Amino acid sequence: MAASVHETFMRMALEDAARARAEGNSAVGSVIVRDGELVARGRNLVTTDFDVTAHAETVALREAGKVLKGVDFEGYALYTTFEPCPMCCGAILLAGIATLVVGAKPEPGAGLWDGYSVETLIDRLGRSHAINVVSGVLADECAAIRGTN
């Protein structure tokens, strides 16, 4: 997809990140797209829902599952404002997402998992089909909203 398309969908995810922050959650937002059409949105709901699994990516995957009445997202793209944690990355891989578009990443040494990145986890899992990872889309804006810059 062209950079402007990536930016359009990342801006939608940023809207959800802002909403998450306003609700008292970590400012992360995600959207799921297929063929240029928005399928589902998610924002971090961990604090408000008292659910440690309610990260923006998993919320978006749950919503997409409800919309599509299924859990196979082969050919779909997931946009997220901050690098997915290992739990979310695992869910993204299990769902068969074809393209993962990431805004900001933590500063080296600032993350919870030393040496972790979505790329290293994907490599370690030896995926049977490739997932395209695009990083750095609106990275400064994504870091700013989360407060990591």
N, C-alpha and C. Protein backbone atom coordinates (compact mmCIF):
# COMPACT_ATOMS: atom_id res chain seq x y z
N MET A 1 0.84 -1.19 0.00
CA MET A 1 0.00 0.00 0.00
C MET A 1 0.88 1.24 0.00
N ALA A 2 0.37 2.27 -0.59
CA ALA A 2 1.10 3.54 -0.64
C ALA A 2 1.20 4.15 0.75
N ALA A 3 2.23 4.95 0.94
CA ALA A 3 2.46 5.59 2.24
C ALA A 3 1.24 6.38 2.69
N SER A 4 0.57 7.08 1.78
CA SER A 4 -0.58 7.88 2.18
C SER A 4 -1.72 7.00 2.69
N VAL A 5 -1.88 5.80 2.14
CA VAL A 5 -2.90 4.88 2.63
C VAL A 5 -2.53 4.42 4.04
N HIS A 6 -1.26 4.07 4.24
CA HIS A 6 -0.81 3.69 5.58
C HIS A 6 -1.06 4.83 6.57
N GLU A 7 -0.76 6.04 6.17
CA GLU A 7 -0.96 7.18 7.06
C GLU A 7 -2.44 7.40 7.37
N THR A 8 -3.30 7.21 6.40
CA THR A 8 -4.75 7.38 6.62
C THR A 8 -5.24 6.42 7.70
N PHE A 9 -4.88 5.16 7.59
CA PHE A 9 -5.34 4.19 8.57
C PHE A 9 -4.64 4.35 9.92
N MET A 10 -3.37 4.78 9.90
CA MET A 10 -2.69 5.01 11.17
C MET A 10 -3.33 6.20 11.89
N ARG A 11 -3.79 7.18 11.14
CA ARG A 11 -4.48 8.31 11.78
C ARG A 11 -5.76 7.85 12.47
N MET A 12 -6.45 6.89 11.89
CA MET A 12 -7.64 6.31 12.55
C MET A 12 -7.23 5.64 13.85
N ALA A 13 -6.13 4.89 13.81
CA ALA A 13 -5.64 4.23 15.01
C ALA A 13 -5.23 5.27 16.06
N LEU A 14 -4.66 6.39 15.62
CA LEU A 14 -4.30 7.46 16.55
C LEU A 14 -5.54 8.05 17.23
N GLU A 15 -6.65 8.14 16.52
CA GLU A 15 -7.90 8.60 17.12
C GLU A 15 -8.30 7.67 18.27
N ASP A 16 -8.17 6.37 18.04
CA ASP A 16 -8.51 5.41 19.08
C ASP A 16 -7.52 5.47 20.24
N ALA A 17 -6.26 5.73 19.94
CA ALA A 17 -5.26 5.89 21.01
C ALA A 17 -5.61 7.09 21.89
N ALA A 18 -6.03 8.18 21.27
CA ALA A 18 -6.42 9.37 22.03
C ALA A 18 -7.64 9.07 22.90
N ARG A 19 -8.56 8.33 22.38
CA ARG A 19 -9.76 7.95 23.16
C ARG A 19 -9.36 7.06 24.34
N ALA A 20 -8.46 6.11 24.10
CA ALA A 20 -7.99 5.24 25.18
C ALA A 20 -7.35 6.07 26.29
N ARG A 21 -6.49 7.00 25.89
CA ARG A 21 -5.82 7.86 26.87
C ARG A 21 -6.84 8.68 27.67
N ALA A 22 -7.83 9.24 26.99
CA ALA A 22 -8.85 10.04 27.66
C ALA A 22 -9.65 9.22 28.66
N GLU A 23 -9.74 7.93 28.43
CA GLU A 23 -10.49 7.03 29.33
C GLU A 23 -9.62 6.49 30.46
N GLY A 24 -8.33 6.85 30.47
CA GLY A 24 -7.44 6.41 31.53
C GLY A 24 -6.65 5.16 31.23
N ASN A 25 -6.64 4.74 29.98
CA ASN A 25 -5.90 3.56 29.55
C ASN A 25 -4.60 3.97 28.87
N SER A 26 -3.75 3.01 28.59
CA SER A 26 -2.55 3.27 27.80
C SER A 26 -2.99 3.72 26.41
N ALA A 27 -2.35 4.75 25.89
CA ALA A 27 -2.77 5.35 24.63
C ALA A 27 -2.27 4.55 23.43
N VAL A 28 -2.99 3.47 23.12
CA VAL A 28 -2.69 2.65 21.95
C VAL A 28 -4.01 2.39 21.23
N GLY A 29 -3.95 2.52 19.90
CA GLY A 29 -5.12 2.24 19.07
C GLY A 29 -4.74 1.36 17.90
N SER A 30 -5.72 0.59 17.42
CA SER A 30 -5.49 -0.33 16.30
C SER A 30 -6.71 -0.35 15.39
N VAL A 31 -6.46 -0.57 14.11
CA VAL A 31 -7.56 -0.79 13.16
C VAL A 31 -7.20 -1.97 12.27
N ILE A 32 -8.23 -2.66 11.80
CA ILE A 32 -8.05 -3.77 10.87
C ILE A 32 -8.74 -3.40 9.57
N VAL A 33 -8.03 -3.66 8.47
CA VAL A 33 -8.43 -3.21 7.14
C VAL A 33 -8.33 -4.36 6.15
N ARG A 34 -9.23 -4.36 5.18
CA ARG A 34 -9.12 -5.31 4.06
C ARG A 34 -9.46 -4.57 2.78
N ASP A 35 -8.59 -4.65 1.80
CA ASP A 35 -8.80 -4.01 0.50
C ASP A 35 -9.19 -2.53 0.63
N GLY A 36 -8.51 -1.83 1.53
CA GLY A 36 -8.74 -0.41 1.70
C GLY A 36 -10.00 -0.06 2.47
N GLU A 37 -10.68 -1.04 3.03
CA GLU A 37 -11.92 -0.81 3.78
C GLU A 37 -11.71 -1.12 5.26
N LEU A 38 -12.14 -0.23 6.11
CA LEU A 38 -12.05 -0.44 7.55
C LEU A 38 -12.99 -1.57 7.95
N VAL A 39 -12.47 -2.54 8.70
CA VAL A 39 -13.26 -3.67 9.18
C VAL A 39 -13.58 -3.54 10.66
N ALA A 40 -12.57 -3.15 11.47
CA ALA A 40 -12.77 -3.07 12.91
C ALA A 40 -11.76 -2.11 13.52
N ARG A 41 -12.11 -1.62 14.71
CA ARG A 41 -11.24 -0.73 15.46
C ARG A 41 -11.07 -1.28 16.86
N GLY A 42 -9.96 -0.90 17.49
CA GLY A 42 -9.74 -1.28 18.88
C GLY A 42 -8.88 -0.25 19.56
N ARG A 43 -9.08 -0.12 20.86
CA ARG A 43 -8.23 0.76 21.67
C ARG A 43 -7.94 0.02 22.96
N ASN A 44 -6.86 0.41 23.61
CA ASN A 44 -6.50 -0.22 24.86
C ASN A 44 -7.62 0.02 25.88
N LEU A 45 -8.10 -1.06 26.50
CA LEU A 45 -9.16 -1.00 27.49
C LEU A 45 -8.77 -1.70 28.80
N VAL A 46 -7.48 -1.94 28.99
CA VAL A 46 -7.00 -2.71 30.13
C VAL A 46 -7.51 -2.15 31.45
N THR A 47 -7.32 -0.87 31.68
CA THR A 47 -7.68 -0.26 32.96
C THR A 47 -9.19 -0.16 33.14
N THR A 48 -9.89 0.30 32.12
CA THR A 48 -11.34 0.50 32.26
C THR A 48 -12.11 -0.81 32.29
N ASP A 49 -11.61 -1.84 31.62
CA ASP A 49 -12.31 -3.13 31.61
C ASP A 49 -11.75 -4.12 32.62
N PHE A 50 -10.71 -3.73 33.35
CA PHE A 50 -10.07 -4.63 34.32
C PHE A 50 -9.71 -5.95 33.65
N ASP A 51 -9.07 -5.84 32.48
CA ASP A 51 -8.77 -7.02 31.66
C ASP A 51 -7.36 -6.85 31.08
N VAL A 52 -6.42 -7.64 31.60
CA VAL A 52 -5.03 -7.50 31.14
C VAL A 52 -4.86 -7.90 29.68
N THR A 53 -5.83 -8.57 29.08
CA THR A 53 -5.73 -8.96 27.67
C THR A 53 -6.39 -7.95 26.73
N ALA A 54 -6.96 -6.89 27.26
CA ALA A 54 -7.70 -5.93 26.43
C ALA A 54 -6.77 -4.87 25.83
N HIS A 55 -5.71 -5.33 25.16
CA HIS A 55 -4.82 -4.43 24.43
C HIS A 55 -5.52 -4.03 23.13
N ALA A 56 -5.11 -2.94 22.55
CA ALA A 56 -5.76 -2.42 21.35
C ALA A 56 -5.84 -3.46 20.24
N GLU A 57 -4.76 -4.21 20.05
CA GLU A 57 -4.72 -5.20 18.97
C GLU A 57 -5.71 -6.33 19.21
N THR A 58 -5.77 -6.84 20.45
CA THR A 58 -6.69 -7.94 20.72
C THR A 58 -8.14 -7.47 20.68
N VAL A 59 -8.38 -6.24 21.11
CA VAL A 59 -9.73 -5.68 21.03
C VAL A 59 -10.16 -5.57 19.56
N ALA A 60 -9.25 -5.08 18.71
CA ALA A 60 -9.56 -4.98 17.27
C ALA A 60 -9.80 -6.36 16.66
N LEU A 61 -8.99 -7.35 17.04
CA LEU A 61 -9.19 -8.71 16.52
C LEU A 61 -10.54 -9.28 16.97
N ARG A 62 -10.92 -9.04 18.21
CA ARG A 62 -12.22 -9.51 18.70
C ARG A 62 -13.36 -8.86 17.92
N GLU A 63 -13.23 -7.55 17.72
CA GLU A 63 -14.28 -6.83 16.99
C GLU A 63 -14.37 -7.32 15.54
N ALA A 64 -13.24 -7.54 14.91
CA ALA A 64 -13.24 -8.06 13.53
C ALA A 64 -13.89 -9.43 13.48
N GLY A 65 -13.59 -10.27 14.46
CA GLY A 65 -14.20 -11.59 14.51
C GLY A 65 -15.72 -11.51 14.58
N LYS A 66 -16.22 -10.57 15.37
CA LYS A 66 -17.67 -10.39 15.49
C LYS A 66 -18.27 -9.92 14.16
N VAL A 67 -17.61 -8.96 13.52
CA VAL A 67 -18.09 -8.41 12.26
C VAL A 67 -18.09 -9.48 11.17
N LEU A 68 -17.00 -10.22 11.10
CA LEU A 68 -16.82 -11.20 10.02
C LEU A 68 -17.36 -12.58 10.36
N LYS A 69 -17.72 -12.77 11.62
CA LYS A 69 -18.21 -14.07 12.09
C LYS A 69 -17.21 -15.19 11.78
N GLY A 70 -15.95 -14.88 12.08
CA GLY A 70 -14.87 -15.83 11.84
C GLY A 70 -13.58 -15.31 12.45
N VAL A 71 -12.54 -16.13 12.36
CA VAL A 71 -11.26 -15.75 12.96
C VAL A 71 -10.09 -15.89 12.00
N ASP A 72 -10.37 -16.06 10.73
CA ASP A 72 -9.31 -16.15 9.72
C ASP A 72 -9.20 -14.80 9.03
N PHE A 73 -8.10 -14.09 9.31
CA PHE A 73 -7.92 -12.76 8.75
C PHE A 73 -6.81 -12.73 7.70
N GLU A 74 -6.68 -13.81 6.99
CA GLU A 74 -5.69 -13.87 5.91
C GLU A 74 -6.04 -12.81 4.87
N GLY A 75 -5.04 -12.01 4.50
CA GLY A 75 -5.26 -10.94 3.54
C GLY A 75 -5.62 -9.60 4.17
N TYR A 76 -5.73 -9.56 5.49
CA TYR A 76 -6.08 -8.33 6.20
C TYR A 76 -4.82 -7.64 6.70
N ALA A 77 -4.96 -6.35 6.97
CA ALA A 77 -3.87 -5.56 7.55
C ALA A 77 -4.31 -5.05 8.91
N LEU A 78 -3.39 -5.08 9.86
CA LEU A 78 -3.65 -4.52 11.18
C LEU A 78 -2.69 -3.36 11.39
N TYR A 79 -3.23 -2.20 11.71
CA TYR A 79 -2.45 -1.00 12.01
C TYR A 79 -2.50 -0.79 13.51
N THR A 80 -1.36 -0.50 14.11
CA THR A 80 -1.32 -0.23 15.53
C THR A 80 -0.32 0.88 15.82
N THR A 81 -0.67 1.71 16.77
CA THR A 81 0.15 2.90 17.04
C THR A 81 1.43 2.59 17.80
N PHE A 82 1.50 1.41 18.43
CA PHE A 82 2.70 1.06 19.18
C PHE A 82 2.99 -0.42 18.98
N GLU A 83 4.26 -0.78 18.98
CA GLU A 83 4.65 -2.16 18.72
C GLU A 83 3.90 -3.14 19.61
N PRO A 84 3.25 -4.13 19.02
CA PRO A 84 2.50 -5.10 19.80
C PRO A 84 3.39 -5.92 20.74
N CYS A 85 2.87 -6.19 21.93
CA CYS A 85 3.58 -7.05 22.89
C CYS A 85 3.57 -8.49 22.37
N PRO A 86 4.32 -9.39 23.01
CA PRO A 86 4.33 -10.78 22.55
C PRO A 86 2.95 -11.44 22.52
N MET A 87 2.09 -11.14 23.51
CA MET A 87 0.74 -11.70 23.51
C MET A 87 -0.02 -11.27 22.26
N CYS A 88 0.01 -9.99 21.97
CA CYS A 88 -0.72 -9.46 20.82
C CYS A 88 -0.11 -9.96 19.51
N CYS A 89 1.21 -10.01 19.46
CA CYS A 89 1.87 -10.51 18.26
C CYS A 89 1.46 -11.96 18.00
N GLY A 90 1.40 -12.77 19.05
CA GLY A 90 0.95 -14.15 18.89
C GLY A 90 -0.47 -14.22 18.35
N ALA A 91 -1.36 -13.38 18.87
CA ALA A 91 -2.74 -13.37 18.39
C ALA A 91 -2.81 -12.92 16.93
N ILE A 92 -2.00 -11.94 16.57
CA ILE A 92 -1.96 -11.45 15.18
C ILE A 92 -1.50 -12.57 14.25
N LEU A 93 -0.49 -13.31 14.67
CA LEU A 93 0.01 -14.42 13.86
C LEU A 93 -1.03 -15.54 13.76
N LEU A 94 -1.68 -15.88 14.87
CA LEU A 94 -2.71 -16.92 14.84
C LEU A 94 -3.88 -16.54 13.94
N ALA A 95 -4.19 -15.26 13.89
CA ALA A 95 -5.30 -14.78 13.07
C ALA A 95 -4.97 -14.80 11.58
N GLY A 96 -3.69 -14.88 11.25
CA GLY A 96 -3.30 -14.90 9.84
C GLY A 96 -3.22 -13.54 9.19
N ILE A 97 -3.13 -12.49 10.01
CA ILE A 97 -2.98 -11.13 9.46
C ILE A 97 -1.82 -11.14 8.46
N ALA A 98 -2.04 -10.53 7.29
CA ALA A 98 -1.02 -10.52 6.24
C ALA A 98 -0.02 -9.39 6.40
N THR A 99 -0.50 -8.23 6.88
CA THR A 99 0.36 -7.06 7.02
C THR A 99 0.14 -6.43 8.37
N LEU A 100 1.23 -6.19 9.07
CA LEU A 100 1.20 -5.49 10.36
C LEU A 100 1.91 -4.16 10.16
N VAL A 101 1.19 -3.07 10.41
CA VAL A 101 1.75 -1.74 10.26
C VAL A 101 1.87 -1.12 11.65
N VAL A 102 3.11 -0.80 12.04
CA VAL A 102 3.42 -0.33 13.38
C VAL A 102 3.83 1.14 13.32
N GLY A 103 3.30 1.91 14.25
CA GLY A 103 3.72 3.31 14.36
C GLY A 103 5.02 3.40 15.12
N ALA A 104 4.93 3.59 16.43
CA ALA A 104 6.12 3.77 17.28
C ALA A 104 6.59 2.44 17.87
N LYS A 105 7.87 2.42 18.21
CA LYS A 105 8.46 1.29 18.93
C LYS A 105 9.11 1.86 20.18
N PRO A 106 9.27 1.04 21.21
CA PRO A 106 9.94 1.57 22.41
C PRO A 106 11.40 1.89 22.14
N GLU A 107 11.91 2.82 22.91
CA GLU A 107 13.34 3.14 22.83
C GLU A 107 14.12 1.90 23.25
N PRO A 108 15.29 1.66 22.67
CA PRO A 108 16.10 0.50 23.08
C PRO A 108 16.30 0.49 24.60
N GLY A 109 16.05 -0.65 25.20
CA GLY A 109 16.20 -0.81 26.64
C GLY A 109 15.01 -0.36 27.45
N ALA A 110 14.00 0.24 26.80
CA ALA A 110 12.85 0.77 27.53
C ALA A 110 11.70 -0.23 27.61
N GLY A 111 11.73 -1.27 26.82
CA GLY A 111 10.63 -2.22 26.81
C GLY A 111 10.68 -3.20 27.96
N LEU A 112 9.61 -3.95 28.13
CA LEU A 112 9.55 -4.95 29.20
C LEU A 112 10.35 -6.20 28.87
N TRP A 113 10.54 -6.47 27.59
CA TRP A 113 11.20 -7.71 27.16
C TRP A 113 12.48 -7.36 26.44
N ASP A 114 13.61 -7.65 27.06
CA ASP A 114 14.91 -7.32 26.50
C ASP A 114 15.10 -7.98 25.15
N GLY A 115 15.39 -7.20 24.14
CA GLY A 115 15.66 -7.73 22.81
C GLY A 115 14.43 -8.12 22.01
N TYR A 116 13.23 -7.89 22.56
CA TYR A 116 12.01 -8.26 21.84
C TYR A 116 11.67 -7.25 20.76
N SER A 117 11.22 -7.75 19.65
CA SER A 117 10.55 -6.96 18.62
C SER A 117 9.61 -7.91 17.91
N VAL A 118 8.62 -7.37 17.22
CA VAL A 118 7.72 -8.27 16.49
C VAL A 118 8.50 -9.08 15.47
N GLU A 119 9.51 -8.45 14.87
CA GLU A 119 10.30 -9.17 13.87
C GLU A 119 11.03 -10.37 14.47
N THR A 120 11.61 -10.19 15.67
CA THR A 120 12.34 -11.32 16.28
C THR A 120 11.38 -12.43 16.69
N LEU A 121 10.21 -12.07 17.19
CA LEU A 121 9.24 -13.10 17.57
C LEU A 121 8.76 -13.87 16.34
N ILE A 122 8.48 -13.16 15.27
CA ILE A 122 8.05 -13.82 14.03
C ILE A 122 9.13 -14.76 13.53
N ASP A 123 10.38 -14.31 13.56
CA ASP A 123 11.50 -15.17 13.14
C ASP A 123 11.60 -16.42 14.01
N ARG A 124 11.45 -16.26 15.31
CA ARG A 124 11.58 -17.39 16.23
C ARG A 124 10.46 -18.40 16.06
N LEU A 125 9.28 -17.94 15.69
CA LEU A 125 8.15 -18.85 15.56
C LEU A 125 8.16 -19.61 14.24
N GLY A 126 9.01 -19.19 13.30
CA GLY A 126 9.12 -19.91 12.04
C GLY A 126 7.79 -20.02 11.32
N ARG A 127 7.17 -18.90 11.09
CA ARG A 127 5.84 -18.85 10.45
C ARG A 127 5.79 -19.66 9.16
N SER A 128 4.66 -20.35 8.98
CA SER A 128 4.47 -21.12 7.77
C SER A 128 4.11 -20.21 6.59
N HIS A 129 3.57 -19.04 6.85
CA HIS A 129 3.36 -18.06 5.77
C HIS A 129 3.83 -16.70 6.27
N ALA A 130 4.29 -15.92 5.34
CA ALA A 130 4.94 -14.66 5.69
C ALA A 130 3.93 -13.62 6.15
N ILE A 131 4.38 -12.77 7.03
CA ILE A 131 3.63 -11.58 7.42
C ILE A 131 4.52 -10.39 7.10
N ASN A 132 3.96 -9.44 6.43
CA ASN A 132 4.69 -8.23 6.06
C ASN A 132 4.61 -7.25 7.23
N VAL A 133 5.75 -6.81 7.73
CA VAL A 133 5.79 -5.84 8.82
C VAL A 133 6.31 -4.52 8.27
N VAL A 134 5.52 -3.47 8.47
CA VAL A 134 5.90 -2.12 8.07
C VAL A 134 6.00 -1.31 9.35
N SER A 135 7.14 -0.73 9.62
CA SER A 135 7.35 0.02 10.86
C SER A 135 7.59 1.49 10.58
N GLY A 136 7.28 2.30 11.57
CA GLY A 136 7.61 3.71 11.52
C GLY A 136 6.60 4.62 10.86
N VAL A 137 5.39 4.15 10.63
CA VAL A 137 4.36 5.00 10.01
C VAL A 137 3.84 5.98 11.07
N LEU A 138 4.03 7.24 10.82
CA LEU A 138 3.67 8.31 11.75
C LEU A 138 4.26 8.05 13.15
N ALA A 139 5.49 7.56 13.17
CA ALA A 139 6.13 7.15 14.42
C ALA A 139 6.19 8.27 15.46
N ASP A 140 6.51 9.47 15.05
CA ASP A 140 6.61 10.57 16.01
C ASP A 140 5.26 10.87 16.66
N GLU A 141 4.21 10.89 15.84
CA GLU A 141 2.87 11.14 16.38
C GLU A 141 2.42 10.02 17.30
N CYS A 142 2.72 8.80 16.91
CA CYS A 142 2.35 7.64 17.72
C CYS A 142 3.09 7.62 19.04
N ALA A 143 4.37 7.99 19.03
CA ALA A 143 5.15 8.05 20.27
C ALA A 143 4.65 9.19 21.14
N ALA A 144 4.33 10.32 20.53
CA ALA A 144 3.88 11.49 21.30
C ALA A 144 2.57 11.20 22.02
N ILE A 145 1.64 10.57 21.38
CA ILE A 145 0.35 10.33 22.01
C ILE A 145 0.47 9.36 23.17
N ARG A 146 1.41 8.44 23.07
CA ARG A 146 1.63 7.45 24.13
C ARG A 146 2.54 8.00 25.22
N GLY A 147 3.22 9.10 24.89
CA GLY A 147 4.13 9.69 25.87
C GLY A 147 5.47 9.00 25.94
N THR A 148 5.93 8.46 24.80
CA THR A 148 7.20 7.72 24.81
C THR A 148 8.30 8.45 24.05
N ASN A 149 8.08 9.71 23.73
CA ASN A 149 9.15 10.42 23.01
C ASN A 149 9.88 11.36 23.91
